[in-house]
Amino acid sequence: MIVNEIFYSIQGEGKLAGVPSVFIRLSGCPLRCKWCDTKYAWSPTSGDEMTVEQIEAEVVKHPASHVVITGGEPFASGQLKELTIALANTNFHITIETNGLKFIDGLKCNLMSISPKLANSIPDEPDLSEKHKKHIGDLTAMQQLMDNYKYQLKFVVDTAADLDEIAQCIGKLENVNPYKICLMPQATTRSEYITKSQFLAEICKRTGFALSPRLQVLLWEGQKGK
C-alpha cells in the first residue's frame, strides 16, 4: 500500500482527543473538501510503497498503544483489512478515520471515526466540485459502518446554518446514538479555532452533542506531521 506518512503525535479530535497515538496516513482520496488540511495526501501515488510488515515495524518504534489509520481515505487502500489484522495482533487500539463512503467487513477496529461531509466541504472550482459531489450524499455505506463497528460521527461545522444539514443527515440514518455525535469547528488558524469553538459550544449546549476539539489546530495550526 502507498503510505503518505507515519508519525507520532496526540489524537486531536473526537472522543480520544489527547491520547498519544501513532498516525498512519494512507494515500488517495476521492473527495476534494475545500478546507481539507491534508491535500498533499489526495493523490493515490503521494507516498511510498510499504508492506504491512514494514508499516508495523515503523509503528512499534513509538511508545504508544493507540494507532490511527487516516488519510486521504483509508478505505481506498486495497490492504486495509490486512493492516488492521497485523496491528490488532500487536495489541494496538485501532481507530480508522473515514469519510464513510465505503464499507468493508471484518476489519479489526476499536473505533470507526466517521466524518460525514456537508455542503460546506464542496470546493469552489467547478471541476473539483463535480468530482466531490459525486461521492457525498449516499449514506448506505455509512449506515453499514455504524451497524457493524463501534463508531463516532464527527461533523465539521463552519456556520450555524450547517446545523439544519446535520439534522437532515442524522434523520436519514437509523439508530443513531446522539452521544456518539461530535461537532468540530472548521478552522485553520488558532484564532479562528477559538472564535468558532465559542459559538459552537453554545450550539452543543442546546443540542446535547459533544464539542470536539481540534488540538492539531490549537497547538500547531495544522503543521504537517503533528
Protein backbone atom coordinates (compact mmCIF):
# COMPACT_ATOMS: atom_id res chain seq x y z
CA MET A 1 0.00 0.00 0.00
CA ILE A 2 1.04 3.62 -0.51
CA VAL A 3 1.80 5.41 2.76
CA ASN A 4 1.99 9.19 2.78
CA GLU A 5 3.48 9.47 6.27
CA ILE A 6 3.78 7.78 9.65
CA PHE A 7 4.22 10.00 12.69
CA TYR A 8 3.78 10.03 16.46
CA SER A 9 1.56 12.71 17.97
CA ILE A 10 -1.63 13.02 20.02
CA GLN A 11 -5.13 12.43 18.76
CA GLY A 12 -6.57 15.88 18.12
CA GLU A 13 -10.26 15.12 17.61
CA GLY A 14 -13.20 13.14 18.89
CA LYS A 15 -13.68 11.02 21.99
CA LEU A 16 -9.98 10.10 22.24
CA ALA A 17 -8.63 13.63 21.90
CA GLY A 18 -5.35 14.00 23.76
CA VAL A 19 -4.36 10.31 23.62
CA PRO A 20 -0.78 9.73 22.33
CA SER A 21 -1.12 7.85 19.04
CA VAL A 22 0.83 6.74 16.01
CA PHE A 23 -0.74 8.02 12.82
CA ILE A 24 -0.57 6.05 9.58
CA ARG A 25 -1.64 8.32 6.75
CA LEU A 26 -2.55 6.33 3.65
CA SER A 27 -2.56 7.98 0.23
CA GLY A 28 -5.52 8.61 -2.02
CA CYS A 29 -8.94 10.19 -1.53
CA PRO A 30 -11.89 10.59 -3.93
CA LEU A 31 -13.14 13.74 -2.15
CA ARG A 32 -11.86 17.28 -2.63
CA CYS A 33 -13.01 19.10 0.52
CA LYS A 34 -12.20 22.78 0.13
CA TRP A 35 -10.99 23.11 3.71
CA CYS A 36 -9.00 19.85 3.72
CA ASP A 37 -5.74 20.18 5.67
CA THR A 38 -4.15 17.10 4.08
CA LYS A 39 -4.46 17.87 0.38
CA TYR A 40 -0.94 16.52 0.00
CA ALA A 41 -2.41 13.02 0.51
CA TRP A 42 -5.14 13.29 -2.14
CA SER A 43 -3.18 11.56 -4.88
CA PRO A 44 -3.02 7.75 -4.65
CA THR A 45 0.68 7.99 -5.53
CA SER A 46 1.56 10.64 -2.90
CA GLY A 47 3.79 8.47 -0.76
CA ASP A 48 5.97 5.38 -0.64
CA GLU A 49 5.05 1.77 -1.24
CA MET A 50 5.22 -0.14 2.03
CA THR A 51 4.28 -3.65 3.03
CA VAL A 52 2.11 -4.33 6.05
CA GLU A 53 5.19 -5.69 7.82
CA GLN A 54 7.17 -2.51 7.12
CA ILE A 55 4.35 -0.33 8.43
CA GLU A 56 4.06 -2.40 11.60
CA ALA A 57 7.83 -2.16 12.13
CA GLU A 58 7.62 1.65 12.00
CA VAL A 59 4.62 1.82 14.31
CA VAL A 60 6.17 -0.26 17.10
CA LYS A 61 9.13 2.14 17.32
CA HIS A 62 6.91 4.58 19.21
CA PRO A 63 5.74 4.33 22.85
CA ALA A 64 2.03 4.27 22.09
CA SER A 65 -0.80 1.78 22.50
CA HIS A 66 -3.12 3.63 20.07
CA VAL A 67 -2.86 3.69 16.30
CA VAL A 68 -4.88 5.93 13.99
CA ILE A 69 -5.25 4.89 10.35
CA THR A 70 -6.14 8.01 8.42
CA GLY A 71 -5.74 9.57 5.01
CA GLY A 72 -6.54 10.53 2.43
CA GLU A 73 -9.26 7.94 2.71
CA PRO A 74 -8.10 4.64 4.26
CA PHE A 75 -10.91 2.68 2.60
CA ALA A 76 -9.34 3.46 -0.78
CA SER A 77 -6.47 1.12 0.11
CA GLY A 78 -6.73 -2.47 -1.03
CA GLN A 79 -4.88 -3.84 2.02
CA LEU A 80 -6.70 -2.08 4.83
CA LYS A 81 -8.03 -5.31 6.33
CA GLU A 82 -4.60 -6.94 6.34
CA LEU A 83 -3.10 -3.89 8.03
CA THR A 84 -5.71 -3.84 10.79
CA ILE A 85 -5.26 -7.55 11.47
CA ALA A 86 -1.50 -7.14 11.83
CA LEU A 87 -1.87 -4.17 14.19
CA ALA A 88 -4.53 -5.95 16.25
CA ASN A 89 -2.18 -8.91 16.68
CA THR A 90 0.27 -6.47 18.28
CA ASN A 91 -2.50 -5.38 20.69
CA PHE A 92 -2.90 -1.82 19.43
CA HIS A 93 -6.13 0.10 19.91
CA ILE A 94 -7.09 0.93 16.32
CA THR A 95 -9.01 3.99 15.17
CA ILE A 96 -9.91 4.30 11.49
CA GLU A 97 -10.75 7.81 10.28
CA THR A 98 -13.01 7.68 7.25
CA ASN A 99 -15.45 9.76 5.22
CA GLY A 100 -17.90 6.86 5.42
CA LEU A 101 -18.05 6.30 1.67
CA LYS A 102 -17.32 2.57 1.66
CA PHE A 103 -17.99 -0.47 3.84
CA ILE A 104 -15.52 -3.30 4.43
CA ASP A 105 -16.48 -6.21 6.66
CA GLY A 106 -14.13 -7.91 9.09
CA LEU A 107 -11.81 -5.01 9.90
CA LYS A 108 -10.07 -5.03 13.26
CA CYS A 109 -11.21 -1.65 14.51
CA ASN A 110 -11.84 -0.39 18.04
CA LEU A 111 -13.28 2.95 16.89
CA MET A 112 -14.65 3.83 13.46
CA SER A 113 -14.36 7.60 13.33
CA ILE A 114 -16.76 8.70 10.59
CA SER A 115 -16.78 12.24 9.23
CA PRO A 116 -19.84 12.85 7.01
CA LYS A 117 -19.23 15.65 4.55
CA LEU A 118 -21.64 18.60 4.41
CA ALA A 119 -22.19 21.23 1.73
CA ASN A 120 -19.57 23.39 3.45
CA SER A 121 -16.95 20.95 2.12
CA ILE A 122 -17.81 21.46 -1.58
CA PRO A 123 -14.92 23.18 -3.38
CA ASP A 124 -15.45 26.37 -5.37
CA GLU A 125 -13.70 25.14 -8.53
CA PRO A 126 -16.33 23.65 -10.91
CA ASP A 127 -14.28 20.59 -11.91
CA LEU A 128 -13.37 19.71 -8.32
CA SER A 129 -16.92 20.43 -7.19
CA GLU A 130 -18.42 17.90 -9.60
CA LYS A 131 -15.87 15.26 -8.61
CA HIS A 132 -16.58 15.88 -4.94
CA LYS A 133 -20.38 15.91 -5.12
CA LYS A 134 -20.45 12.53 -6.88
CA HIS A 135 -19.21 10.90 -3.69
CA ILE A 136 -21.29 12.55 -0.95
CA GLY A 137 -24.96 12.14 -0.14
CA ASP A 138 -25.26 8.34 -0.27
CA LEU A 139 -25.33 7.16 3.34
CA THR A 140 -25.63 3.42 2.64
CA ALA A 141 -22.02 2.57 3.46
CA MET A 142 -22.05 4.87 6.47
CA GLN A 143 -25.04 3.05 7.91
CA GLN A 144 -23.26 -0.29 7.43
CA LEU A 145 -20.20 1.02 9.25
CA MET A 146 -22.34 2.22 12.15
CA ASP A 147 -24.18 -1.11 12.32
CA ASN A 148 -21.00 -3.18 12.40
CA TYR A 149 -18.41 -1.17 14.31
CA LYS A 150 -18.09 0.93 17.44
CA TYR A 151 -18.27 4.42 15.98
CA GLN A 152 -18.35 8.16 16.39
CA LEU A 153 -19.75 10.73 13.97
CA LYS A 154 -17.71 13.92 13.57
CA PHE A 155 -19.29 16.84 11.74
CA VAL A 156 -17.20 19.83 10.66
CA VAL A 157 -19.23 22.99 11.35
CA ASP A 158 -18.46 26.26 9.61
CA THR A 159 -21.56 28.30 10.48
CA ALA A 160 -24.76 27.80 12.48
CA ALA A 161 -26.55 27.17 9.18
CA ASP A 162 -24.82 23.77 8.99
CA LEU A 163 -26.99 22.50 11.84
CA ASP A 164 -30.02 22.00 9.59
CA GLU A 165 -27.99 19.84 7.23
CA ILE A 166 -26.58 17.83 10.14
CA ALA A 167 -30.13 17.21 11.37
CA GLN A 168 -31.14 16.04 7.90
CA CYS A 169 -28.17 13.67 7.73
CA ILE A 170 -28.91 12.18 11.15
CA GLY A 171 -32.57 11.82 10.17
CA LYS A 172 -31.63 9.66 7.18
CA LEU A 173 -29.59 7.27 9.36
CA GLU A 174 -31.05 4.61 11.62
CA ASN A 175 -30.38 4.02 15.31
CA VAL A 176 -28.03 6.96 15.70
CA ASN A 177 -26.72 7.31 19.23
CA PRO A 178 -26.70 11.08 19.92
CA TYR A 179 -23.92 10.61 22.48
CA LYS A 180 -21.65 9.47 19.67
CA ILE A 181 -22.03 12.71 17.70
CA CYS A 182 -19.28 15.33 17.82
CA LEU A 183 -19.29 18.82 16.33
CA MET A 184 -15.95 20.32 15.32
CA PRO A 185 -15.15 23.92 14.32
CA GLN A 186 -13.90 24.41 10.76
CA ALA A 187 -10.69 26.35 11.30
CA THR A 188 -7.14 26.55 10.01
CA THR A 189 -5.71 29.07 12.47
CA ARG A 190 -5.68 29.22 16.25
CA SER A 191 -7.65 32.45 16.42
CA GLU A 192 -10.31 31.15 14.03
CA TYR A 193 -10.49 27.93 16.03
CA ILE A 194 -11.10 29.74 19.32
CA THR A 195 -13.76 32.05 17.85
CA LYS A 196 -15.72 29.23 16.22
CA SER A 197 -15.36 26.95 19.23
CA GLN A 198 -17.03 29.55 21.39
CA PHE A 199 -20.15 29.77 19.23
CA LEU A 200 -20.13 26.00 18.68
CA ALA A 201 -20.04 25.38 22.43
CA GLU A 202 -23.37 27.18 22.76
CA ILE A 203 -24.82 25.03 19.97
CA CYS A 204 -23.63 21.87 21.73
CA LYS A 205 -25.27 23.02 24.96
CA ARG A 206 -28.58 23.32 23.08
CA THR A 207 -28.33 20.07 21.11
CA GLY A 208 -26.57 17.80 23.59
CA PHE A 209 -23.90 16.88 21.03
CA ALA A 210 -20.27 16.87 22.15
CA LEU A 211 -17.89 19.66 21.23
CA SER A 212 -14.83 18.01 19.73
CA PRO A 213 -11.53 19.83 19.99
CA ARG A 214 -9.12 20.05 17.09
CA LEU A 215 -5.88 20.04 19.04
CA GLN A 216 -3.77 19.91 15.90
CA VAL A 217 -5.10 23.38 15.05
CA LEU A 218 -4.98 24.73 18.59
CA LEU A 219 -1.44 23.54 19.30
CA TRP A 220 0.27 23.53 15.90
CA GLU A 221 -2.12 25.29 13.49
CA GLY A 222 -2.22 22.23 11.27
CA GLN A 223 1.51 21.72 10.69
CA LYS A 224 2.26 18.59 8.69
CA GLY A 225 3.24 15.58 10.79
CA LYS A 226 1.79 17.00 14.02
